[in-house]
Amino acid sequence: MSSTSGNYGSVTNSAPVVNGDSHAHADEEQPLLGGGGGARKPASKSLRKKLTTDVQRDWADLVLLACYIITGLLDSSSISIWGSFVSMQTGKIPSKPSLPTITARSFAFHSTDTEQKTGNTVYIGLGLAAPTESTRWIKSATSLISFCLGSFFFSRFHRFFSPKKRWVLCASFIAQTLLCVAAAVILTVGPAAGKDEIAWNVLVPIALIAFQSCGQAVTSRALKYNALTSVVLTSIYCDLFSDAELFSVHNAERNRRVGAPVLLLVGAICGGLFAHSSLGIAGALWTAAFLKFLIVLSWFFWPGEPTSDEE
């Protein structure tokens, strides 16, 4: 007992007195906040756990709704630069299309040369019926084939690695971002091409945009928001106005169906402004790539599903 009488507040495992400093070595080995049971998890392990966690579905529809802005942005600029829906009436693309020629109906139900695949199928049929009258059917075929290949790729990627994994969603939108960047680079530094010209610097950007666009639709399936594909509005209009609770105060489905076309319209206006400016569709693509990158960040920081293990 006498050996410990000189140590104030000493503990059983404390270090012996050395030059009057009995706690120097012991304090260095004690955890700052107590609980000497376990060391802090390495950053790599925490990051791995974060990336392999399923994201929460709650409020994820906001991200999918944001994709409608991107769709409108790309669709309206591609229509203005690479074609116009009035070509369906004449079989030829006018030399100088203007925004007023894009009617509300044509925009709502056939809103894209790279997204709405029903319209592209019609254009392919018209082109095959009269292949020498216009080159639009070649662009439509390129878009449709690329969209189908993208759907094949993105759906199997999500299905193989688990649809709602954080890293899967991040990787999907990183790929979409890079494809938009690649298309933007081609249009920014590549040679200019005429509206009716069928050149690599027209078909390749169309293929890249169409390929990446279906990634948004596949994400809506992965998160079980099947209506928010961001690449079609026909079914949304139908479901919206056939909703029995259309005028109900609290109706989340109705709110999503209203938000989708409104946000697409906002994107379409911005895309039209890009198309009629010196930036052209390249500016729209750079903007779309930036928005896609923001979505990557949102998935990275999105709340995850609670895990069973408590550490």
C-alpha atoms as a PDB file:
ATOM      1  CA  MET A   1       0.000   0.000   0.000  1.00  0.00           C
ATOM      2  CA  SER A   2       2.925   2.303   0.740  1.00  0.00           C
ATOM      3  CA  SER A   3       4.059   1.993  -2.875  1.00  0.00           C
ATOM      4  CA  THR A   4       0.900   3.644  -4.099  1.00  0.00           C
ATOM      5  CA  SER A   5       0.437   6.242  -1.439  1.00  0.00           C
ATOM      6  CA  GLY A   6       2.454   8.823  -3.355  1.00  0.00           C
ATOM      7  CA  ASN A   7       0.385   8.535  -6.521  1.00  0.00           C
ATOM      8  CA  TYR A   8      -2.698  10.741  -6.486  1.00  0.00           C
ATOM      9  CA  GLY A   9      -5.627   9.156  -8.279  1.00  0.00           C
ATOM     10  CA  SER A  10      -3.533   6.378  -9.737  1.00  0.00           C
ATOM     11  CA  VAL A  11      -5.147   3.437 -11.475  1.00  0.00           C
ATOM     12  CA  THR A  12      -4.199  -0.199 -11.516  1.00  0.00           C
ATOM     13  CA  ASN A  13      -2.625  -0.157 -14.984  1.00  0.00           C
ATOM     14  CA  SER A  14      -0.858   3.174 -14.597  1.00  0.00           C
ATOM     15  CA  ALA A  15       2.825   3.467 -15.426  1.00  0.00           C
ATOM     16  CA  PRO A  16       5.428   3.561 -12.628  1.00  0.00           C
ATOM     17  CA  VAL A  17       6.910   6.839 -11.446  1.00  0.00           C
ATOM     18  CA  VAL A  18       9.709   7.944 -13.720  1.00  0.00           C
ATOM     19  CA  ASN A  19      11.471  11.192 -12.763  1.00  0.00           C
ATOM     20  CA  GLY A  20       8.340  12.345 -10.991  1.00  0.00           C
ATOM     21  CA  ASP A  21       6.113  11.856 -14.064  1.00  0.00           C
ATOM     22  CA  SER A  22       3.793   8.980 -13.281  1.00  0.00           C
ATOM     23  CA  HIS A  23       1.111   9.644 -15.918  1.00  0.00           C
ATOM     24  CA  ALA A  24       2.968  10.847 -18.993  1.00  0.00           C
ATOM     25  CA  HIS A  25       3.243   7.518 -20.733  1.00  0.00           C
ATOM     26  CA  ALA A  26      -0.138   6.232 -19.525  1.00  0.00           C
ATOM     27  CA  ASP A  27      -1.998   9.331 -20.661  1.00  0.00           C
ATOM     28  CA  GLU A  28      -0.530   9.053 -24.132  1.00  0.00           C
ATOM     29  CA  GLU A  29      -2.052   5.597 -24.522  1.00  0.00           C
ATOM     30  CA  GLN A  30      -5.481   6.460 -23.124  1.00  0.00           C
ATOM     31  CA  PRO A  31      -8.275   7.366 -25.589  1.00  0.00           C
ATOM     32  CA  LEU A  32      -9.275  11.013 -25.365  1.00  0.00           C
ATOM     33  CA  LEU A  33     -12.970  10.313 -24.881  1.00  0.00           C
ATOM     34  CA  GLY A  34     -12.654   7.171 -22.819  1.00  0.00           C
ATOM     35  CA  GLY A  35     -14.115   3.842 -23.822  1.00  0.00           C
ATOM     36  CA  GLY A  36     -10.783   2.223 -24.493  1.00  0.00           C
ATOM     37  CA  GLY A  37     -12.638  -0.630 -26.201  1.00  0.00           C
ATOM     38  CA  GLY A  38     -12.065   0.073 -29.835  1.00  0.00           C
ATOM     39  CA  ALA A  39     -10.145   2.149 -32.218  1.00  0.00           C
ATOM     40  CA  ARG A  40     -11.821   4.495 -34.622  1.00  0.00           C
ATOM     41  CA  LYS A  41     -12.861   2.947 -37.929  1.00  0.00           C
ATOM     42  CA  PRO A  42     -10.481   3.682 -40.801  1.00  0.00           C
ATOM     43  CA  ALA A  43     -11.724   6.249 -43.302  1.00  0.00           C
ATOM     44  CA  SER A  44     -11.573   3.678 -46.101  1.00  0.00           C
ATOM     45  CA  LYS A  45     -13.880   1.332 -44.198  1.00  0.00           C
ATOM     46  CA  SER A  46     -16.361   4.132 -43.461  1.00  0.00           C
ATOM     47  CA  LEU A  47     -16.364   5.199 -47.109  1.00  0.00           C
ATOM     48  CA  ARG A  48     -16.842   1.616 -48.268  1.00  0.00           C
ATOM     49  CA  LYS A  49     -19.788   1.184 -45.950  1.00  0.00           C
ATOM     50  CA  LYS A  50     -21.294   4.477 -47.106  1.00  0.00           C
ATOM     51  CA  LEU A  51     -20.986   3.580 -50.785  1.00  0.00           C
ATOM     52  CA  THR A  52     -22.424   0.086 -50.361  1.00  0.00           C
ATOM     53  CA  THR A  53     -25.480   1.299 -48.442  1.00  0.00           C
ATOM     54  CA  ASP A  54     -28.851   1.530 -50.182  1.00  0.00           C
ATOM     55  CA  VAL A  55     -30.096   5.094 -50.480  1.00  0.00           C
ATOM     56  CA  GLN A  56     -33.415   5.990 -48.934  1.00  0.00           C
ATOM     57  CA  ARG A  57     -36.317   6.257 -51.326  1.00  0.00           C
ATOM     58  CA  ASP A  58     -37.957   9.081 -49.365  1.00  0.00           C
ATOM     59  CA  TRP A  59     -37.873  12.352 -51.323  1.00  0.00           C
ATOM     60  CA  ALA A  60     -35.720  10.776 -54.031  1.00  0.00           C
ATOM     61  CA  ASP A  61     -38.430  11.792 -56.473  1.00  0.00           C
ATOM     62  CA  LEU A  62     -37.014  15.328 -56.235  1.00  0.00           C
ATOM     63  CA  VAL A  63     -33.831  14.146 -57.953  1.00  0.00           C
ATOM     64  CA  LEU A  64     -35.843  12.412 -60.659  1.00  0.00           C
ATOM     65  CA  LEU A  65     -37.919  15.548 -61.187  1.00  0.00           C
ATOM     66  CA  ALA A  66     -34.706  17.527 -61.629  1.00  0.00           C
ATOM     67  CA  CYS A  67     -33.877  15.177 -64.501  1.00  0.00           C
ATOM     68  CA  TYR A  68     -36.839  16.625 -66.399  1.00  0.00           C
ATOM     69  CA  ILE A  69     -34.992  19.943 -66.588  1.00  0.00           C
ATOM     70  CA  ILE A  70     -32.075  18.154 -68.242  1.00  0.00           C
ATOM     71  CA  THR A  71     -34.399  16.382 -70.654  1.00  0.00           C
ATOM     72  CA  GLY A  72     -36.075  19.628 -71.692  1.00  0.00           C
ATOM     73  CA  LEU A  73     -32.709  21.341 -72.003  1.00  0.00           C
ATOM     74  CA  LEU A  74     -31.284  18.719 -74.347  1.00  0.00           C
ATOM     75  CA  ASP A  75     -34.465  18.022 -76.282  1.00  0.00           C
ATOM     76  CA  SER A  76     -35.345  21.571 -77.231  1.00  0.00           C
ATOM     77  CA  SER A  77     -31.792  22.417 -78.272  1.00  0.00           C
ATOM     78  CA  SER A  78     -31.502  19.235 -80.352  1.00  0.00           C
ATOM     79  CA  ILE A  79     -34.798  19.974 -82.058  1.00  0.00           C
ATOM     80  CA  SER A  80     -33.703  23.508 -82.883  1.00  0.00           C
ATOM     81  CA  ILE A  81     -30.245  22.535 -84.105  1.00  0.00           C
ATOM     82  CA  TRP A  82     -30.757  19.118 -85.690  1.00  0.00           C
ATOM     83  CA  GLY A  83     -34.403  19.171 -86.759  1.00  0.00           C
ATOM     84  CA  SER A  84     -37.972  20.394 -86.319  1.00  0.00           C
ATOM     85  CA  PHE A  85     -41.238  18.550 -85.828  1.00  0.00           C
ATOM     86  CA  VAL A  86     -42.836  20.420 -88.661  1.00  0.00           C
ATOM     87  CA  SER A  87     -40.826  18.156 -90.951  1.00  0.00           C
ATOM     88  CA  MET A  88     -43.457  15.508 -90.281  1.00  0.00           C
ATOM     89  CA  GLN A  89     -45.892  17.567 -92.329  1.00  0.00           C
ATOM     90  CA  THR A  90     -43.631  18.239 -95.303  1.00  0.00           C
ATOM     91  CA  GLY A  91     -41.125  15.394 -95.155  1.00  0.00           C
ATOM     92  CA  LYS A  92     -38.317  17.976 -95.094  1.00  0.00           C
ATOM     93  CA  ILE A  93     -36.614  19.926 -92.379  1.00  0.00           C
ATOM     94  CA  PRO A  94     -37.023  23.671 -92.900  1.00  0.00           C
ATOM     95  CA  SER A  95     -33.799  25.571 -93.394  1.00  0.00           C
ATOM     96  CA  LYS A  96     -34.459  28.017 -90.551  1.00  0.00           C
ATOM     97  CA  PRO A  97     -36.882  26.609 -88.000  1.00  0.00           C
ATOM     98  CA  SER A  98     -38.092  28.919 -85.268  1.00  0.00           C
ATOM     99  CA  LEU A  99     -39.499  28.295 -81.825  1.00  0.00           C
ATOM    100  CA  PRO A 100     -43.096  29.293 -82.723  1.00  0.00           C
ATOM    101  CA  THR A 101     -43.270  26.390 -85.192  1.00  0.00           C
ATOM    102  CA  ILE A 102     -42.958  23.944 -82.297  1.00  0.00           C
ATOM    103  CA  THR A 103     -46.560  23.644 -81.213  1.00  0.00           C
ATOM    104  CA  ALA A 104     -47.684  22.731 -77.723  1.00  0.00           C
ATOM    105  CA  ARG A 105     -48.997  19.399 -78.893  1.00  0.00           C
ATOM    106  CA  SER A 106     -45.875  18.401 -80.782  1.00  0.00           C
ATOM    107  CA  PHE A 107     -43.723  19.378 -77.820  1.00  0.00           C
ATOM    108  CA  ALA A 108     -45.810  17.561 -75.267  1.00  0.00           C
ATOM    109  CA  PHE A 109     -46.182  14.266 -77.018  1.00  0.00           C
ATOM    110  CA  HIS A 110     -43.141  14.078 -79.309  1.00  0.00           C
ATOM    111  CA  SER A 111     -40.788  16.239 -77.375  1.00  0.00           C
ATOM    112  CA  THR A 112     -37.440  15.015 -78.605  1.00  0.00           C
ATOM    113  CA  ASP A 113     -35.255  13.808 -81.392  1.00  0.00           C
ATOM    114  CA  THR A 114     -33.179  11.936 -78.825  1.00  0.00           C
ATOM    115  CA  GLU A 115     -35.690  10.954 -76.151  1.00  0.00           C
ATOM    116  CA  GLN A 116     -39.241  10.213 -77.327  1.00  0.00           C
ATOM    117  CA  LYS A 117     -38.781   6.941 -79.114  1.00  0.00           C
ATOM    118  CA  THR A 118     -42.346   6.645 -80.409  1.00  0.00           C
ATOM    119  CA  GLY A 119     -41.758   9.765 -82.525  1.00  0.00           C
ATOM    120  CA  ASN A 120     -38.425   8.415 -83.731  1.00  0.00           C
ATOM    121  CA  THR A 121     -40.083   5.167 -84.813  1.00  0.00           C
ATOM    122  CA  VAL A 122     -42.561   7.187 -86.889  1.00  0.00           C
ATOM    123  CA  TYR A 123     -39.734   9.210 -88.438  1.00  0.00           C
ATOM    124  CA  ILE A 124     -37.893   6.017 -89.340  1.00  0.00           C
ATOM    125  CA  GLY A 125     -41.027   4.687 -91.011  1.00  0.00           C
ATOM    126  CA  LEU A 126     -41.491   7.908 -92.965  1.00  0.00           C
ATOM    127  CA  GLY A 127     -37.855   7.894 -93.961  1.00  0.00           C
ATOM    128  CA  LEU A 128     -37.955   4.319 -95.197  1.00  0.00           C
ATOM    129  CA  ALA A 129     -41.060   5.172 -97.204  1.00  0.00           C
ATOM    130  CA  ALA A 130     -39.250   8.088 -98.863  1.00  0.00           C
ATOM    131  CA  PRO A 131     -35.537   7.810 -98.019  1.00  0.00           C
ATOM    132  CA  THR A 132     -34.365  10.534-100.402  1.00  0.00           C
ATOM    133  CA  GLU A 133     -36.627  13.285 -99.108  1.00  0.00           C
ATOM    134  CA  SER A 134     -34.918  13.850 -95.758  1.00  0.00           C
ATOM    135  CA  THR A 135     -32.019  12.688 -93.633  1.00  0.00           C
ATOM    136  CA  ARG A 136     -33.942  12.966 -90.393  1.00  0.00           C
ATOM    137  CA  TRP A 137     -34.798   9.279 -90.334  1.00  0.00           C
ATOM    138  CA  ILE A 138     -31.064   8.457 -90.177  1.00  0.00           C
ATOM    139  CA  LYS A 139     -30.691  10.640 -87.078  1.00  0.00           C
ATOM    140  CA  SER A 140     -33.815   9.092 -85.588  1.00  0.00           C
ATOM    141  CA  ALA A 141     -32.531   5.576 -86.244  1.00  0.00           C
ATOM    142  CA  THR A 142     -29.203   6.473 -84.629  1.00  0.00           C
ATOM    143  CA  SER A 143     -31.014   7.853 -81.599  1.00  0.00           C
ATOM    144  CA  LEU A 144     -33.358   4.898 -81.259  1.00  0.00           C
ATOM    145  CA  ILE A 145     -30.643   2.262 -81.563  1.00  0.00           C
ATOM    146  CA  SER A 146     -28.437   4.102 -79.077  1.00  0.00           C
ATOM    147  CA  PHE A 147     -31.301   4.466 -76.628  1.00  0.00           C
ATOM    148  CA  CYS A 148     -32.026   0.731 -76.801  1.00  0.00           C
ATOM    149  CA  LEU A 149     -28.361  -0.107 -76.252  1.00  0.00           C
ATOM    150  CA  GLY A 150     -28.239   2.289 -73.305  1.00  0.00           C
ATOM    151  CA  SER A 151     -31.322   0.723 -71.764  1.00  0.00           C
ATOM    152  CA  PHE A 152     -29.749  -2.702 -72.143  1.00  0.00           C
ATOM    153  CA  PHE A 153     -26.544  -1.525 -70.445  1.00  0.00           C
ATOM    154  CA  PHE A 154     -27.915   0.599 -67.590  1.00  0.00           C
ATOM    155  CA  SER A 155     -30.656  -1.847 -66.611  1.00  0.00           C
ATOM    156  CA  ARG A 156     -28.232  -4.757 -66.344  1.00  0.00           C
ATOM    157  CA  PHE A 157     -25.708  -2.626 -64.496  1.00  0.00           C
ATOM    158  CA  HIS A 158     -28.301  -1.727 -61.842  1.00  0.00           C
ATOM    159  CA  ARG A 159     -29.693  -5.240 -61.698  1.00  0.00           C
ATOM    160  CA  PHE A 160     -26.294  -6.921 -61.315  1.00  0.00           C
ATOM    161  CA  PHE A 161     -24.928  -4.650 -58.580  1.00  0.00           C
ATOM    162  CA  SER A 162     -28.208  -3.922 -56.701  1.00  0.00           C
ATOM    163  CA  PRO A 163     -30.401  -1.077 -57.955  1.00  0.00           C
ATOM    164  CA  LYS A 164     -30.357   1.254 -54.938  1.00  0.00           C
ATOM    165  CA  LYS A 165     -26.727   0.990 -53.878  1.00  0.00           C
ATOM    166  CA  ARG A 166     -25.222   4.436 -53.439  1.00  0.00           C
ATOM    167  CA  TRP A 167     -22.149   3.697 -55.524  1.00  0.00           C
ATOM    168  CA  VAL A 168     -24.295   2.240 -58.296  1.00  0.00           C
ATOM    169  CA  LEU A 169     -26.386   5.405 -58.556  1.00  0.00           C
ATOM    170  CA  CYS A 170     -23.267   7.574 -58.408  1.00  0.00           C
ATOM    171  CA  ALA A 171     -21.524   5.501 -61.066  1.00  0.00           C
ATOM    172  CA  SER A 172     -24.575   5.609 -63.319  1.00  0.00           C
ATOM    173  CA  PHE A 173     -24.760   9.393 -63.258  1.00  0.00           C
ATOM    174  CA  ILE A 174     -20.980   9.748 -63.542  1.00  0.00           C
ATOM    175  CA  ALA A 175     -21.220   7.744 -66.776  1.00  0.00           C
ATOM    176  CA  GLN A 176     -24.071   9.962 -67.967  1.00  0.00           C
ATOM    177  CA  THR A 177     -22.038  13.051 -67.105  1.00  0.00           C
ATOM    178  CA  LEU A 178     -19.007  11.808 -69.031  1.00  0.00           C
ATOM    179  CA  LEU A 179     -21.128  10.985 -72.088  1.00  0.00           C
ATOM    180  CA  CYS A 180     -22.592  14.503 -72.042  1.00  0.00           C
ATOM    181  CA  VAL A 181     -19.078  15.930 -71.692  1.00  0.00           C
ATOM    182  CA  ALA A 182     -17.857  13.832 -74.628  1.00  0.00           C
ATOM    183  CA  ALA A 183     -20.712  15.065 -76.822  1.00  0.00           C
ATOM    184  CA  ALA A 184     -20.087  18.654 -75.702  1.00  0.00           C
ATOM    185  CA  VAL A 185     -16.366  18.390 -76.506  1.00  0.00           C
ATOM    186  CA  ILE A 186     -17.121  17.111 -80.011  1.00  0.00           C
ATOM    187  CA  LEU A 187     -19.491  20.000 -80.672  1.00  0.00           C
ATOM    188  CA  THR A 188     -17.203  22.565 -79.060  1.00  0.00           C
ATOM    189  CA  VAL A 189     -13.888  21.747 -80.748  1.00  0.00           C
ATOM    190  CA  GLY A 190     -15.084  19.773 -83.784  1.00  0.00           C
ATOM    191  CA  PRO A 191     -15.959  21.196 -87.181  1.00  0.00           C
ATOM    192  CA  ALA A 192     -19.351  22.768 -87.685  1.00  0.00           C
ATOM    193  CA  ALA A 193     -21.921  20.672 -89.519  1.00  0.00           C
ATOM    194  CA  GLY A 194     -25.017  21.744 -91.407  1.00  0.00           C
ATOM    195  CA  LYS A 195     -28.492  20.865 -90.233  1.00  0.00           C
ATOM    196  CA  ASP A 196     -29.120  18.355 -93.014  1.00  0.00           C
ATOM    197  CA  GLU A 197     -25.585  17.001 -93.041  1.00  0.00           C
ATOM    198  CA  ILE A 198     -25.032  13.423 -91.943  1.00  0.00           C
ATOM    199  CA  ALA A 199     -21.550  13.601 -90.467  1.00  0.00           C
ATOM    200  CA  TRP A 200     -19.779  11.899 -87.586  1.00  0.00           C
ATOM    201  CA  ASN A 201     -19.890  15.079 -85.511  1.00  0.00           C
ATOM    202  CA  VAL A 202     -23.686  15.004 -85.769  1.00  0.00           C
ATOM    203  CA  LEU A 203     -24.434  11.307 -85.388  1.00  0.00           C
ATOM    204  CA  VAL A 204     -21.925  10.628 -82.607  1.00  0.00           C
ATOM    205  CA  PRO A 205     -23.295  13.353 -80.268  1.00  0.00           C
ATOM    206  CA  ILE A 206     -26.842  12.158 -80.966  1.00  0.00           C
ATOM    207  CA  ALA A 207     -25.808   8.599 -80.123  1.00  0.00           C
ATOM    208  CA  LEU A 208     -24.052   9.676 -76.916  1.00  0.00           C
ATOM    209  CA  ILE A 209     -26.983  11.783 -75.718  1.00  0.00           C
ATOM    210  CA  ALA A 210     -29.518   9.064 -76.493  1.00  0.00           C
ATOM    211  CA  PHE A 211     -27.392   6.388 -74.819  1.00  0.00           C
ATOM    212  CA  GLN A 212     -27.056   8.323 -71.567  1.00  0.00           C
ATOM    213  CA  SER A 213     -30.638   9.571 -71.442  1.00  0.00           C
ATOM    214  CA  CYS A 214     -32.079   6.177 -70.606  1.00  0.00           C
ATOM    215  CA  GLY A 215     -29.952   6.075 -67.456  1.00  0.00           C
ATOM    216  CA  GLN A 216     -32.462   8.469 -65.900  1.00  0.00           C
ATOM    217  CA  ALA A 217     -35.354   6.197 -66.832  1.00  0.00           C
ATOM    218  CA  VAL A 218     -33.625   3.138 -65.393  1.00  0.00           C
ATOM    219  CA  THR A 219     -32.988   5.054 -62.151  1.00  0.00           C
ATOM    220  CA  SER A 220     -36.706   5.750 -61.812  1.00  0.00           C
ATOM    221  CA  ARG A 221     -37.321   2.003 -62.034  1.00  0.00           C
ATOM    222  CA  ALA A 222     -34.599   1.280 -59.485  1.00  0.00           C
ATOM    223  CA  LEU A 223     -36.179   3.683 -56.987  1.00  0.00           C
ATOM    224  CA  LYS A 224     -39.744   2.468 -57.712  1.00  0.00           C
ATOM    225  CA  TYR A 225     -40.893   5.817 -59.113  1.00  0.00           C
ATOM    226  CA  ASN A 226     -41.904   4.201 -62.375  1.00  0.00           C
ATOM    227  CA  ALA A 227     -43.854   7.207 -63.663  1.00  0.00           C
ATOM    228  CA  LEU A 228     -40.905   9.609 -63.401  1.00  0.00           C
ATOM    229  CA  THR A 229     -38.864   8.299 -66.307  1.00  0.00           C
ATOM    230  CA  SER A 230     -38.031  11.869 -67.430  1.00  0.00           C
ATOM    231  CA  VAL A 231     -38.174  10.745 -71.079  1.00  0.00           C
ATOM    232  CA  VAL A 232     -41.916  10.710 -71.712  1.00  0.00           C
ATOM    233  CA  LEU A 233     -44.889  12.903 -70.830  1.00  0.00           C
ATOM    234  CA  THR A 234     -47.838  11.215 -72.527  1.00  0.00           C
ATOM    235  CA  SER A 235     -48.587   8.811 -69.695  1.00  0.00           C
ATOM    236  CA  ILE A 236     -48.079  11.582 -67.116  1.00  0.00           C
ATOM    237  CA  TYR A 237     -50.663  13.805 -68.799  1.00  0.00           C
ATOM    238  CA  CYS A 238     -53.097  10.897 -68.971  1.00  0.00           C
ATOM    239  CA  ASP A 239     -52.580   9.891 -65.330  1.00  0.00           C
ATOM    240  CA  LEU A 240     -52.752  13.496 -64.158  1.00  0.00           C
ATOM    241  CA  PHE A 241     -56.101  14.393 -65.673  1.00  0.00           C
ATOM    242  CA  SER A 242     -57.648  10.987 -65.017  1.00  0.00           C
ATOM    243  CA  ASP A 243     -56.726  11.146 -61.322  1.00  0.00           C
ATOM    244  CA  ALA A 244     -59.878  10.813 -59.185  1.00  0.00           C
ATOM    245  CA  GLU A 245     -58.236  13.007 -56.534  1.00  0.00           C
ATOM    246  CA  LEU A 246     -56.970  15.637 -58.942  1.00  0.00           C
ATOM    247  CA  PHE A 247     -58.184  18.533 -56.788  1.00  0.00           C
ATOM    248  CA  SER A 248     -57.339  17.008 -53.438  1.00  0.00           C
ATOM    249  CA  VAL A 249     -55.219  19.162 -51.138  1.00  0.00           C
ATOM    250  CA  HIS A 250     -52.812  16.365 -50.224  1.00  0.00           C
ATOM    251  CA  ASN A 251     -51.902  14.337 -53.297  1.00  0.00           C
ATOM    252  CA  ALA A 252     -48.207  13.563 -53.738  1.00  0.00           C
ATOM    253  CA  GLU A 253     -48.705  11.676 -57.006  1.00  0.00           C
ATOM    254  CA  ARG A 254     -50.606  14.619 -58.476  1.00  0.00           C
ATOM    255  CA  ASN A 255     -47.846  16.982 -57.405  1.00  0.00           C
ATOM    256  CA  ARG A 256     -45.206  14.874 -59.152  1.00  0.00           C
ATOM    257  CA  ARG A 257     -47.282  14.725 -62.332  1.00  0.00           C
ATOM    258  CA  VAL A 258     -47.663  18.488 -62.342  1.00  0.00           C
ATOM    259  CA  GLY A 259     -44.004  19.103 -61.573  1.00  0.00           C
ATOM    260  CA  ALA A 260     -42.666  16.873 -64.355  1.00  0.00           C
ATOM    261  CA  PRO A 261     -44.014  18.790 -67.393  1.00  0.00           C
ATOM    262  CA  VAL A 262     -43.459  22.159 -65.724  1.00  0.00           C
ATOM    263  CA  LEU A 263     -39.789  21.394 -65.099  1.00  0.00           C
ATOM    264  CA  LEU A 264     -39.378  19.959 -68.579  1.00  0.00           C
ATOM    265  CA  LEU A 265     -40.863  23.167 -69.965  1.00  0.00           C
ATOM    266  CA  VAL A 266     -38.355  25.205 -67.945  1.00  0.00           C
ATOM    267  CA  GLY A 267     -35.534  23.123 -69.379  1.00  0.00           C
ATOM    268  CA  ALA A 268     -36.959  23.451 -72.879  1.00  0.00           C
ATOM    269  CA  ILE A 269     -37.008  27.232 -72.624  1.00  0.00           C
ATOM    270  CA  CYS A 270     -33.381  27.247 -71.504  1.00  0.00           C
ATOM    271  CA  GLY A 271     -32.453  24.838 -74.297  1.00  0.00           C
ATOM    272  CA  GLY A 272     -34.167  27.055 -76.847  1.00  0.00           C
ATOM    273  CA  LEU A 273     -32.225  30.057 -75.585  1.00  0.00           C
ATOM    274  CA  PHE A 274     -28.976  28.098 -75.921  1.00  0.00           C
ATOM    275  CA  ALA A 275     -29.878  26.961 -79.430  1.00  0.00           C
ATOM    276  CA  HIS A 276     -30.535  30.524 -80.553  1.00  0.00           C
ATOM    277  CA  SER A 277     -27.355  31.860 -79.009  1.00  0.00           C
ATOM    278  CA  SER A 278     -23.724  31.619 -80.040  1.00  0.00           C
ATOM    279  CA  LEU A 279     -23.227  28.778 -77.552  1.00  0.00           C
ATOM    280  CA  GLY A 280     -25.589  26.467 -79.421  1.00  0.00           C
ATOM    281  CA  ILE A 281     -26.277  22.917 -78.332  1.00  0.00           C
ATOM    282  CA  ALA A 282     -22.740  22.659 -76.941  1.00  0.00           C
ATOM    283  CA  GLY A 283     -23.697  25.144 -74.242  1.00  0.00           C
ATOM    284  CA  ALA A 284     -26.775  23.086 -73.404  1.00  0.00           C
ATOM    285  CA  LEU A 285     -24.651  19.950 -73.145  1.00  0.00           C
ATOM    286  CA  TRP A 286     -22.100  21.571 -70.834  1.00  0.00           C
ATOM    287  CA  THR A 287     -24.960  22.757 -68.647  1.00  0.00           C
ATOM    288  CA  ALA A 288     -26.530  19.287 -68.662  1.00  0.00           C
ATOM    289  CA  ALA A 289     -23.183  17.744 -67.701  1.00  0.00           C
ATOM    290  CA  PHE A 290     -22.894  20.153 -64.772  1.00  0.00           C
ATOM    291  CA  LEU A 291     -26.424  19.314 -63.599  1.00  0.00           C
ATOM    292  CA  LYS A 292     -25.658  15.606 -63.861  1.00  0.00           C
ATOM    293  CA  PHE A 293     -22.570  16.129 -61.729  1.00  0.00           C
ATOM    294  CA  LEU A 294     -24.711  17.853 -59.097  1.00  0.00           C
ATOM    295  CA  ILE A 295     -26.940  14.785 -59.104  1.00  0.00           C
ATOM    296  CA  VAL A 296     -23.859  12.609 -58.512  1.00  0.00           C
ATOM    297  CA  LEU A 297     -23.097  14.707 -55.431  1.00  0.00           C
ATOM    298  CA  SER A 298     -26.695  14.485 -54.270  1.00  0.00           C
ATOM    299  CA  TRP A 299     -26.606  10.676 -54.414  1.00  0.00           C
ATOM    300  CA  PHE A 300     -23.301  10.636 -52.544  1.00  0.00           C
ATOM    301  CA  PHE A 301     -24.718  12.667 -49.651  1.00  0.00           C
ATOM    302  CA  TRP A 302     -28.248  11.252 -49.798  1.00  0.00           C
ATOM    303  CA  PRO A 303     -29.432   9.575 -46.558  1.00  0.00           C
ATOM    304  CA  GLY A 304     -28.909   5.826 -46.564  1.00  0.00           C
ATOM    305  CA  GLU A 305     -31.110   3.042 -45.362  1.00  0.00           C
ATOM    306  CA  PRO A 306     -30.452   2.101 -41.729  1.00  0.00           C
ATOM    307  CA  THR A 307     -28.251  -0.950 -41.328  1.00  0.00           C
ATOM    308  CA  SER A 308     -28.865  -3.830 -38.938  1.00  0.00           C
ATOM    309  CA  ASP A 309     -25.418  -3.748 -37.358  1.00  0.00           C
ATOM    310  CA  GLU A 310     -24.725  -1.113 -34.732  1.00  0.00           C
ATOM    311  CA  GLU A 311     -21.118  -0.167 -34.360  1.00  0.00           C
END
